Amino acid sequence: MKNKIAISLIVFLSGMFSISAQNIFFKNAVDSYILAVKKKYEIPGLSLCIVKNNVVIYRNSIGLANIEHNVPIKDSSIFRVYSLTKPIIAVGVFQLIEQGKLQLDDPISKYIDDIPDAWKSIQIRYLLAHSSGLPDMKSFGGGKQPIEEKAKELAFREKIKFNTGEIYEYNQTNFWLLKLIIEKVSGENLTNFICENQFSGEQNSVFFSSDSKQIIKNRVTSYFPFSTGKMIIDLPTIEGDYMHAANGLNITVEEFVKWDRKLKNNELLKEETKREMWKTFPFSKSNKVFTYAWDKFTLNGHDSYGFTGSLITAYRVFPKDNLSIVLLSNGLGKIYDIDDVVDKIATLVDSDIYNVQEKAVEDMYSIFKDKGFLAFKNTYDSQKEKVNKEINLERLVNSVGYKLLRNNFIDDAIKLFQFNTSEYKNSANAHDSLGEAYYTQGNFEKAKLYYKKAISLGGTNGNAKEMLDKILKR
């Protein structure tokens, strides 16, 4: 009997040791990855929290809240989350929908009087989906955001850019209007409505402020390279509260995790309401995958929803996996894709959750380098037949081409980009990339030809024009 007890105890202790070893390995893997990201992209400080099955399985705060005074990031550090504010505002809108106080197909003129006639029939759903076609308030005022009345005046002068529902175009005006609607319907200012209905009134660690100049206890200093190319303190002036719904939430990682728990446990919205909020929006002229104010990501069949703010804050929830990731940082020295970082953190939690597109790029790059173009094309053709919605083949070829270009295989990159332009003859991006490869090679005449073609196909957010001007000034 004693032997049986001893054996049982050994088995139990062995199991406990195994679990403990796994936890240590997981923590070390996440620590190593996030420290590498911090160093590579010159992130001053960050807080990362991973929640699985309603249990915090990883939490760490590293780096500096303020570089000049060597102030460390702490659990009490408050981050301005910038555009990550928007999903929280969307939850507020859907709370009012649950209460029967508004509907997605309500025209905004039902709640706002002082708007141009061309705006009046736009429905709430198009504001949430960034598909209103409205001019963007952020584009006015240069580096300094104008006061609300001036921003309104400038926006009201502009024409509608496209028909509602056609495409996704990110737009701060949409959330300025949603703020006005929420305040009209709820009878409260936005700060009170959101904090009382989602954050239990935690005013010391959750509040709204779009002005980074304000001195607020425990708030981190934000640093960006956008204006000078080097990391400097972010001190935009946004007078008043009119951008609060677009970028004004300030919060600790702990309070964000509490909010995440409420969201997953249906304390903020009913399950069916969340499904409605996370329904993919049917853009009529775009394949963009977006819901009502949330990005939708699918990683090897695992659906997730989230958003980011100014490239430095991110939140992602995987409902069926009961997994959430909260990553809040206070700046960057080099631009990077924070969604890609969240993807890789999710993979460290569960190896079955991975970015299929990214893995395909790595696999196809290896095939090209090891077996040549013909093997690459045969694999590409087989992928084309599968019609895998998680793999964008045009972007796949482009990514492999850029990987070759970065590794100085310029002729190989040109061959792939040429293949991409033959496959996607109407893609401005494919022609822009081929132009870049020729530019890198020093063949400016051919680079000019393909940049002109990219511009004729609609351009690439000004890059093709900028590069063409650069060539013409040589």
Protein backbone atom coordinates (compact mmCIF):
# COMPACT_ATOMS: atom_id res chain seq x y z
CA MET A 1 0.00 0.00 0.00
CA LYS A 2 2.85 2.36 0.92
CA ASN A 3 4.51 1.61 -2.42
CA LYS A 4 1.30 2.51 -4.31
CA ILE A 5 1.03 5.80 -2.42
CA ALA A 6 4.70 6.57 -3.10
CA ILE A 7 4.30 5.81 -6.82
CA SER A 8 1.13 7.97 -6.99
CA LEU A 9 2.96 10.82 -5.27
CA ILE A 10 5.90 10.53 -7.70
CA VAL A 11 3.52 10.57 -10.69
CA PHE A 12 1.68 13.60 -9.26
CA LEU A 13 4.89 15.49 -8.54
CA SER A 14 6.25 14.60 -11.98
CA GLY A 15 3.10 15.99 -13.56
CA MET A 16 3.39 19.17 -11.51
CA PHE A 17 7.04 19.52 -12.51
CA SER A 18 6.11 19.02 -16.18
CA ILE A 19 3.42 21.74 -16.01
CA SER A 20 5.79 24.06 -14.19
CA ALA A 21 8.53 23.42 -16.76
CA GLN A 22 6.07 24.15 -19.59
CA ASN A 23 5.05 27.42 -17.92
CA ILE A 24 8.68 28.46 -17.48
CA PHE A 25 9.46 27.56 -21.11
CA PHE A 26 6.42 29.55 -22.32
CA LYS A 27 7.29 32.59 -20.20
CA ASN A 28 10.89 32.50 -21.34
CA ALA A 29 9.80 32.24 -24.98
CA VAL A 30 7.47 35.24 -24.68
CA ASP A 31 10.07 37.22 -22.69
CA SER A 32 12.72 36.53 -25.31
CA TYR A 33 10.43 37.45 -28.21
CA ILE A 34 9.04 40.65 -26.73
CA LEU A 35 12.49 41.86 -25.63
CA ALA A 36 13.77 41.27 -29.18
CA VAL A 37 10.82 43.26 -30.59
CA LYS A 38 11.43 46.07 -28.09
CA LYS A 39 15.09 46.29 -29.04
CA LYS A 40 14.60 45.97 -32.81
CA TYR A 41 11.96 48.69 -33.06
CA GLU A 42 13.33 50.93 -30.31
CA ILE A 43 10.19 50.77 -28.18
CA PRO A 44 10.69 52.80 -24.98
CA GLY A 45 8.40 50.71 -22.77
CA LEU A 46 5.48 48.31 -22.91
CA SER A 47 3.03 46.21 -20.95
CA LEU A 48 1.91 42.83 -22.28
CA CYS A 49 -0.83 40.67 -20.83
CA ILE A 50 -2.05 37.32 -22.18
CA VAL A 51 -5.31 35.83 -20.90
CA LYS A 52 -6.29 32.22 -21.60
CA ASN A 53 -9.52 30.65 -20.28
CA ASN A 54 -10.06 33.73 -18.08
CA VAL A 55 -6.69 33.26 -16.39
CA VAL A 56 -3.75 35.63 -16.86
CA ILE A 57 -1.01 33.29 -18.10
CA TYR A 58 1.54 35.98 -18.87
CA ARG A 59 2.08 39.52 -17.65
CA ASN A 60 5.12 41.73 -17.94
CA SER A 61 5.95 45.43 -17.98
CA ILE A 62 9.38 46.41 -19.31
CA GLY A 63 11.24 49.53 -20.29
CA LEU A 64 10.66 53.19 -19.58
CA ALA A 65 7.50 55.25 -19.18
CA ASN A 66 9.65 58.37 -19.56
CA ILE A 67 13.09 58.27 -21.16
CA GLU A 68 14.34 61.68 -20.01
CA HIS A 69 13.82 60.97 -16.31
CA ASN A 70 14.45 57.21 -16.46
CA VAL A 71 10.96 56.39 -15.11
CA PRO A 72 10.16 52.66 -15.46
CA ILE A 73 6.91 51.19 -16.76
CA LYS A 74 4.84 49.86 -13.85
CA ASP A 75 1.51 48.06 -13.41
CA SER A 76 0.03 51.47 -12.58
CA SER A 77 1.29 53.04 -15.84
CA ILE A 78 -1.48 54.60 -17.92
CA PHE A 79 -1.26 54.41 -21.71
CA ARG A 80 -3.05 56.59 -24.22
CA VAL A 81 -4.27 53.90 -26.64
CA TYR A 82 -5.02 56.26 -29.55
CA SER A 83 -7.26 54.58 -32.18
CA LEU A 84 -7.64 51.45 -30.07
CA THR A 85 -10.33 53.65 -28.51
CA LYS A 86 -12.63 52.87 -31.44
CA PRO A 87 -13.67 49.28 -30.54
CA ILE A 88 -14.64 50.52 -27.08
CA ILE A 89 -16.80 53.20 -28.70
CA ALA A 90 -18.36 50.52 -30.94
CA VAL A 91 -19.30 48.52 -27.83
CA GLY A 92 -20.98 51.68 -26.50
CA VAL A 93 -22.96 52.05 -29.73
CA PHE A 94 -24.11 48.43 -29.57
CA GLN A 95 -25.08 48.83 -25.92
CA LEU A 96 -27.46 51.59 -27.04
CA ILE A 97 -28.72 49.31 -29.82
CA GLU A 98 -29.46 46.62 -27.22
CA GLN A 99 -31.40 49.19 -25.23
CA GLY A 100 -33.47 50.01 -28.32
CA LYS A 101 -32.26 53.61 -28.39
CA LEU A 102 -30.78 53.51 -31.89
CA GLN A 103 -30.32 51.19 -34.88
CA LEU A 104 -27.52 50.53 -37.35
CA ASP A 105 -29.58 51.75 -40.29
CA ASP A 106 -30.59 55.03 -38.62
CA PRO A 107 -29.49 58.05 -40.70
CA ILE A 108 -27.21 60.37 -38.78
CA SER A 109 -29.62 63.26 -39.44
CA LYS A 110 -31.99 61.59 -36.96
CA TYR A 111 -29.61 62.67 -34.18
CA ILE A 112 -27.53 65.52 -35.63
CA ASP A 113 -29.04 68.64 -37.22
CA ASP A 114 -26.06 70.79 -38.11
CA ILE A 115 -24.59 68.79 -41.01
CA PRO A 116 -24.48 69.25 -44.81
CA ASP A 117 -27.41 67.87 -46.81
CA ALA A 118 -25.11 65.34 -48.53
CA TRP A 119 -24.29 63.81 -45.12
CA LYS A 120 -27.82 63.46 -43.77
CA SER A 121 -28.76 60.06 -45.25
CA ILE A 122 -25.54 58.33 -44.16
CA GLN A 123 -26.38 55.51 -41.77
CA ILE A 124 -24.66 54.69 -38.48
CA ARG A 125 -23.43 51.37 -39.90
CA TYR A 126 -21.26 53.21 -42.45
CA LEU A 127 -19.61 55.29 -39.73
CA LEU A 128 -18.65 52.17 -37.79
CA ALA A 129 -17.39 50.39 -40.93
CA HIS A 130 -15.31 53.37 -42.11
CA SER A 131 -17.31 53.31 -45.32
CA SER A 132 -19.11 56.65 -45.16
CA GLY A 133 -17.14 58.43 -47.88
CA LEU A 134 -16.85 61.50 -45.65
CA PRO A 135 -13.81 63.80 -45.69
CA ASP A 136 -11.36 63.04 -42.90
CA MET A 137 -10.97 65.67 -40.19
CA LYS A 138 -7.43 64.46 -39.54
CA SER A 139 -6.30 65.75 -42.93
CA PHE A 140 -6.95 69.35 -41.90
CA GLY A 141 -4.56 71.56 -39.98
CA GLY A 142 -1.23 69.92 -40.84
CA GLY A 143 0.63 68.80 -37.72
CA LYS A 144 -1.74 70.67 -35.40
CA GLN A 145 -5.34 69.55 -35.13
CA PRO A 146 -7.68 72.55 -35.49
CA ILE A 147 -10.33 73.32 -32.89
CA GLU A 148 -13.69 71.61 -33.38
CA GLU A 149 -15.49 74.51 -35.06
CA LYS A 150 -12.67 75.02 -37.55
CA ALA A 151 -12.42 71.28 -38.25
CA LYS A 152 -16.18 71.17 -38.88
CA GLU A 153 -16.01 74.16 -41.21
CA LEU A 154 -13.22 72.60 -43.26
CA ALA A 155 -14.91 69.17 -43.40
CA PHE A 156 -18.28 70.60 -44.38
CA ARG A 157 -16.71 72.28 -47.43
CA GLU A 158 -15.44 68.97 -48.83
CA LYS A 159 -17.33 66.69 -51.20
CA ILE A 160 -18.35 63.11 -50.41
CA LYS A 161 -15.45 60.95 -51.65
CA PHE A 162 -17.35 57.77 -52.63
CA ASN A 163 -20.75 56.14 -52.28
CA THR A 164 -21.48 54.67 -48.87
CA GLY A 165 -20.59 51.02 -48.48
CA GLU A 166 -18.27 50.83 -51.50
CA ILE A 167 -14.88 50.65 -49.83
CA TYR A 168 -13.09 50.86 -46.50
CA GLU A 169 -11.40 54.21 -45.88
CA TYR A 170 -10.24 54.91 -42.33
CA ASN A 171 -11.73 58.16 -41.15
CA GLN A 172 -11.72 60.16 -37.90
CA THR A 173 -14.83 62.13 -38.90
CA ASN A 174 -16.89 58.95 -38.53
CA PHE A 175 -16.09 58.73 -34.83
CA TRP A 176 -16.56 62.43 -34.21
CA LEU A 177 -20.13 61.91 -35.45
CA LEU A 178 -20.55 58.75 -33.34
CA LYS A 179 -19.54 60.76 -30.27
CA LEU A 180 -22.27 63.30 -31.01
CA ILE A 181 -24.83 60.52 -31.53
CA ILE A 182 -23.90 58.69 -28.32
CA GLU A 183 -24.16 61.91 -26.31
CA LYS A 184 -27.49 62.82 -27.90
CA VAL A 185 -29.05 59.41 -27.30
CA SER A 186 -27.62 58.73 -23.82
CA GLY A 187 -28.02 62.25 -22.46
CA GLU A 188 -24.46 62.04 -21.06
CA ASN A 189 -21.07 63.20 -22.21
CA LEU A 190 -19.01 60.48 -23.86
CA THR A 191 -16.56 60.04 -20.96
CA ASN A 192 -19.30 59.42 -18.40
CA PHE A 193 -21.29 57.11 -20.66
CA ILE A 194 -18.34 54.88 -21.59
CA CYS A 195 -16.75 54.78 -18.13
CA GLU A 196 -20.02 54.11 -16.28
CA ASN A 197 -21.18 51.41 -18.70
CA GLN A 198 -17.88 49.64 -19.40
CA PHE A 199 -15.28 50.46 -16.76
CA SER A 200 -17.17 50.77 -13.46
CA GLY A 201 -16.12 54.40 -13.08
CA GLU A 202 -12.39 53.75 -12.53
CA GLN A 203 -11.52 57.40 -13.02
CA ASN A 204 -7.93 57.22 -11.79
CA SER A 205 -6.88 54.51 -14.26
CA VAL A 206 -9.42 54.96 -17.09
CA PHE A 207 -10.21 58.35 -18.57
CA PHE A 208 -10.40 60.28 -21.85
CA SER A 209 -7.81 62.79 -23.03
CA SER A 210 -6.67 63.41 -26.61
CA ASP A 211 -4.06 65.96 -25.55
CA SER A 212 -0.65 64.44 -24.83
CA LYS A 213 0.47 67.78 -23.37
CA GLN A 214 -1.66 67.29 -20.29
CA ILE A 215 0.35 66.32 -17.22
CA ILE A 216 -1.47 63.36 -15.68
CA LYS A 217 -0.16 61.23 -12.82
CA ASN A 218 1.12 57.78 -13.92
CA ARG A 219 0.55 58.47 -17.63
CA VAL A 220 3.42 57.36 -19.87
CA THR A 221 5.12 59.75 -22.27
CA SER A 222 4.54 58.88 -25.93
CA TYR A 223 7.37 58.94 -28.48
CA PHE A 224 7.12 58.81 -32.29
CA PRO A 225 9.46 59.17 -35.31
CA PHE A 226 6.79 60.35 -37.76
CA SER A 227 7.56 64.07 -38.00
CA THR A 228 11.37 64.06 -38.01
CA GLY A 229 12.43 60.48 -38.74
CA LYS A 230 13.84 60.27 -35.22
CA MET A 231 11.99 59.46 -32.02
CA ILE A 232 10.66 62.60 -30.31
CA ILE A 233 8.02 63.32 -27.67
CA ASP A 234 4.49 63.26 -29.07
CA LEU A 235 2.91 66.60 -28.22
CA PRO A 236 -0.03 67.10 -30.59
CA THR A 237 -2.46 69.82 -29.66
CA ILE A 238 -6.09 68.73 -29.84
CA GLU A 239 -8.16 71.32 -28.05
CA GLY A 240 -11.41 70.18 -26.48
CA ASP A 241 -12.93 66.72 -26.44
CA TYR A 242 -14.23 66.29 -29.99
CA MET A 243 -11.66 63.60 -30.91
CA HIS A 244 -12.22 61.57 -27.72
CA ALA A 245 -14.18 58.85 -29.52
CA ALA A 246 -11.46 58.54 -32.16
CA ASN A 247 -8.31 58.47 -30.04
CA GLY A 248 -8.89 59.63 -26.47
CA LEU A 249 -8.98 56.56 -24.21
CA ASN A 250 -6.24 56.32 -21.56
CA ILE A 251 -6.02 53.12 -19.52
CA THR A 252 -3.79 50.74 -17.54
CA VAL A 253 -3.21 47.23 -18.83
CA GLU A 254 -4.97 45.88 -15.71
CA GLU A 255 -8.16 47.81 -16.46
CA PHE A 256 -8.03 46.70 -20.09
CA VAL A 257 -7.84 43.08 -18.95
CA LYS A 258 -10.86 43.62 -16.69
CA TRP A 259 -12.73 45.09 -19.67
CA ASP A 260 -11.72 42.10 -21.81
CA ARG A 261 -13.10 39.71 -19.18
CA LYS A 262 -16.43 41.57 -19.16
CA LEU A 263 -16.59 41.46 -22.96
CA LYS A 264 -15.93 37.72 -23.11
CA ASN A 265 -18.34 36.97 -20.27
CA ASN A 266 -21.17 38.89 -22.00
CA GLU A 267 -21.32 41.50 -19.24
CA LEU A 268 -20.97 44.35 -21.75
CA LEU A 269 -22.99 42.91 -24.62
CA LYS A 270 -25.13 39.83 -25.18
CA GLU A 271 -23.54 37.06 -27.22
CA GLU A 272 -25.84 37.66 -30.19
CA THR A 273 -25.03 41.39 -30.11
CA LYS A 274 -21.30 40.64 -30.21
CA ARG A 275 -21.87 38.38 -33.20
CA GLU A 276 -23.67 41.27 -34.94
CA MET A 277 -20.85 43.69 -34.08
CA TRP A 278 -18.27 41.22 -35.43
CA LYS A 279 -20.16 40.45 -38.63
CA THR A 280 -17.97 41.00 -41.71
CA PHE A 281 -19.07 44.18 -43.48
CA PRO A 282 -20.14 43.63 -47.13
CA PHE A 283 -18.17 46.31 -48.98
CA SER A 284 -19.46 46.47 -52.56
CA LYS A 285 -16.12 47.36 -54.20
CA SER A 286 -13.50 46.04 -51.79
CA ASN A 287 -12.28 42.74 -50.37
CA LYS A 288 -11.26 44.36 -47.09
CA VAL A 289 -12.11 42.14 -44.11
CA PHE A 290 -13.59 44.42 -41.47
CA THR A 291 -16.53 44.41 -39.09
CA TYR A 292 -18.19 47.26 -37.17
CA ALA A 293 -15.08 49.14 -35.97
CA TRP A 294 -13.07 45.93 -35.49
CA ASP A 295 -10.51 44.28 -37.75
CA LYS A 296 -11.11 40.57 -38.30
CA PHE A 297 -8.14 38.21 -38.54
CA THR A 298 -8.14 34.52 -39.37
CA LEU A 299 -5.02 32.56 -38.39
CA ASN A 300 -5.11 28.98 -39.65
CA GLY A 301 -8.88 28.85 -39.20
CA HIS A 302 -8.89 30.65 -35.82
CA ASP A 303 -10.99 33.83 -36.05
CA SER A 304 -9.99 36.81 -33.96
CA TYR A 305 -11.05 40.44 -33.62
CA GLY A 306 -9.11 43.50 -32.59
CA PHE A 307 -7.65 46.86 -33.42
CA THR A 308 -4.52 48.95 -32.98
CA GLY A 309 -3.64 52.52 -32.09
CA SER A 310 -0.92 54.62 -33.76
CA LEU A 311 1.18 51.46 -34.33
CA ILE A 312 1.93 51.23 -30.59
CA THR A 313 -1.10 49.66 -28.91
CA ALA A 314 -3.03 46.51 -29.82
CA TYR A 315 -5.80 44.28 -28.54
CA ARG A 316 -6.90 40.94 -29.93
CA VAL A 317 -9.55 38.49 -28.77
CA PHE A 318 -9.96 34.90 -30.07
CA PRO A 319 -13.51 34.07 -28.88
CA LYS A 320 -13.54 30.32 -29.63
CA ASP A 321 -10.05 29.85 -28.18
CA ASN A 322 -10.89 31.96 -25.10
CA LEU A 323 -7.65 33.83 -25.66
CA SER A 324 -6.93 37.56 -25.42
CA ILE A 325 -3.77 39.58 -25.93
CA VAL A 326 -3.31 43.17 -24.69
CA LEU A 327 -0.15 44.94 -25.82
CA LEU A 328 0.25 48.58 -24.79
CA SER A 329 3.43 50.55 -25.51
CA ASN A 330 4.39 54.21 -25.47
CA GLY A 331 6.13 54.66 -28.77
CA LEU A 332 8.59 53.36 -31.35
CA GLY A 333 11.76 54.41 -33.08
CA LYS A 334 11.18 52.31 -36.21
CA ILE A 335 7.87 51.55 -37.89
CA TYR A 336 6.66 47.95 -37.68
CA ASP A 337 3.46 45.93 -37.95
CA ILE A 338 2.14 45.51 -34.41
CA ASP A 339 -0.57 43.11 -35.68
CA ASP A 340 2.22 40.82 -36.85
CA VAL A 341 3.70 40.91 -33.33
CA VAL A 342 0.31 39.96 -31.84
CA ASP A 343 0.04 37.10 -34.35
CA LYS A 344 3.39 35.70 -33.22
CA ILE A 345 2.49 36.03 -29.54
CA ALA A 346 -0.69 34.02 -30.26
CA THR A 347 1.46 31.34 -31.91
CA LEU A 348 3.60 31.11 -28.77
CA VAL A 349 0.41 30.43 -26.79
CA ASP A 350 -0.96 27.86 -29.25
CA SER A 351 1.15 26.55 -32.14
CA ASP A 352 -2.01 25.84 -34.14
CA ILE A 353 -2.71 29.58 -34.28
CA TYR A 354 -0.39 31.03 -36.89
CA ASN A 355 -0.38 33.45 -39.79
CA VAL A 356 -0.94 31.26 -42.85
CA GLN A 357 0.09 34.08 -45.20
CA GLU A 358 3.39 34.61 -43.41
CA LYS A 359 4.19 30.90 -43.32
CA ALA A 360 3.36 30.64 -47.03
CA VAL A 361 5.82 33.47 -47.76
CA GLU A 362 8.60 31.63 -45.90
CA ASP A 363 7.77 28.34 -47.64
CA MET A 364 7.58 29.89 -51.10
CA TYR A 365 10.82 31.79 -50.59
CA SER A 366 12.56 28.53 -49.70
CA ILE A 367 11.08 26.81 -52.76
CA PHE A 368 12.29 29.61 -55.04
CA LYS A 369 15.82 29.63 -53.59
CA ASP A 370 16.18 25.84 -53.39
CA LYS A 371 14.37 24.69 -56.53
CA GLY A 372 14.03 27.71 -58.79
CA PHE A 373 11.28 29.69 -60.49
CA LEU A 374 9.54 26.76 -62.20
CA ALA A 375 9.01 24.93 -58.89
CA PHE A 376 7.79 28.22 -57.40
CA LYS A 377 5.28 28.69 -60.23
CA ASN A 378 4.02 25.09 -59.96
CA THR A 379 3.42 25.55 -56.23
CA TYR A 380 1.75 28.92 -56.89
CA ASP A 381 -0.58 27.28 -59.46
CA SER A 382 -1.55 24.55 -56.99
CA GLN A 383 -2.31 27.22 -54.35
CA LYS A 384 -4.41 29.09 -56.93
CA GLU A 385 -6.57 26.00 -57.42
CA LYS A 386 -7.15 25.60 -53.66
CA VAL A 387 -8.61 29.12 -53.31
CA ASN A 388 -7.44 29.47 -49.70
CA LYS A 389 -9.09 32.63 -48.38
CA GLU A 390 -6.31 33.09 -45.82
CA ILE A 391 -3.70 33.46 -48.57
CA ASN A 392 -3.61 36.51 -50.81
CA LEU A 393 -1.59 35.22 -53.77
CA GLU A 394 -0.74 38.62 -55.23
CA ARG A 395 0.59 39.76 -51.85
CA LEU A 396 2.34 36.41 -51.41
CA VAL A 397 4.36 36.78 -54.62
CA ASN A 398 5.07 40.42 -53.78
CA SER A 399 6.33 39.51 -50.31
CA VAL A 400 8.66 36.82 -51.67
CA GLY A 401 9.91 39.34 -54.23
CA TYR A 402 10.70 41.88 -51.50
CA LYS A 403 12.42 39.22 -49.42
CA LEU A 404 14.65 38.50 -52.42
CA LEU A 405 15.23 42.23 -52.94
CA ARG A 406 16.20 42.76 -49.29
CA ASN A 407 18.70 39.91 -49.57
CA ASN A 408 20.20 41.52 -52.70
CA PHE A 409 18.90 38.90 -55.17
CA ILE A 410 17.79 41.73 -57.45
CA ASP A 411 17.47 39.80 -60.73
CA ASP A 412 15.40 37.10 -59.00
CA ALA A 413 13.20 39.78 -57.43
CA ILE A 414 12.62 41.38 -60.84
CA LYS A 415 11.64 37.99 -62.28
CA LEU A 416 9.03 37.49 -59.54
CA PHE A 417 7.67 41.03 -59.78
CA GLN A 418 7.37 40.61 -63.57
CA PHE A 419 5.43 37.41 -62.96
CA ASN A 420 3.14 39.27 -60.55
CA THR A 421 2.39 42.04 -63.05
CA SER A 422 1.51 39.41 -65.67
CA GLU A 423 -0.82 37.67 -63.20
CA TYR A 424 -2.36 40.88 -61.86
CA LYS A 425 -2.31 43.26 -64.81
CA ASN A 426 -4.55 45.85 -63.10
CA SER A 427 -2.65 45.96 -59.81
CA ALA A 428 -0.99 49.31 -59.12
CA ASN A 429 0.92 47.75 -56.24
CA ALA A 430 2.44 44.98 -58.40
CA HIS A 431 3.68 47.53 -60.95
CA ASP A 432 4.97 49.82 -58.20
CA SER A 433 7.01 46.93 -56.76
CA LEU A 434 8.51 46.11 -60.15
CA GLY A 435 9.40 49.77 -60.52
CA GLU A 436 11.17 49.65 -57.15
CA ALA A 437 13.18 46.58 -58.15
CA TYR A 438 14.35 48.25 -61.36
CA TYR A 439 15.15 51.41 -59.38
CA THR A 440 17.27 49.34 -56.98
CA GLN A 441 19.02 47.78 -59.97
CA GLY A 442 19.78 51.23 -61.35
CA ASN A 443 17.61 50.77 -64.44
CA PHE A 444 15.81 54.10 -64.08
CA GLU A 445 14.15 54.06 -67.50
CA LYS A 446 12.31 50.81 -66.73
CA ALA A 447 11.60 51.98 -63.19
CA LYS A 448 10.01 55.12 -64.64
CA LEU A 449 7.88 53.01 -66.99
CA TYR A 450 6.42 50.89 -64.20
CA TYR A 451 5.89 53.77 -61.80
CA LYS A 452 3.90 55.52 -64.54
CA LYS A 453 1.86 52.34 -65.02
CA ALA A 454 1.17 52.17 -61.26
CA ILE A 455 -0.05 55.78 -61.29
CA SER A 456 -2.33 55.09 -64.27
CA LEU A 457 -3.86 52.18 -62.31
CA GLY A 458 -4.75 54.41 -59.37
CA GLY A 459 -1.41 54.91 -57.66
CA THR A 460 0.00 53.54 -54.41
CA ASN A 461 -0.84 56.18 -51.80
CA GLY A 462 1.55 58.64 -53.42
CA ASN A 463 4.61 56.37 -53.40
CA ALA A 464 4.71 55.79 -57.18
CA LYS A 465 4.39 59.53 -57.84
CA GLU A 466 7.06 60.37 -55.28
CA MET A 467 9.49 57.85 -56.80
CA LEU A 468 8.74 59.01 -60.35
CA ASP A 469 9.44 62.63 -59.33
CA LYS A 470 12.68 61.43 -57.74
CA ILE A 471 13.75 59.79 -61.01
CA LEU A 472 12.80 62.80 -63.13
CA LYS A 473 14.88 65.09 -60.90
CA ARG A 474 18.02 63.01 -61.39
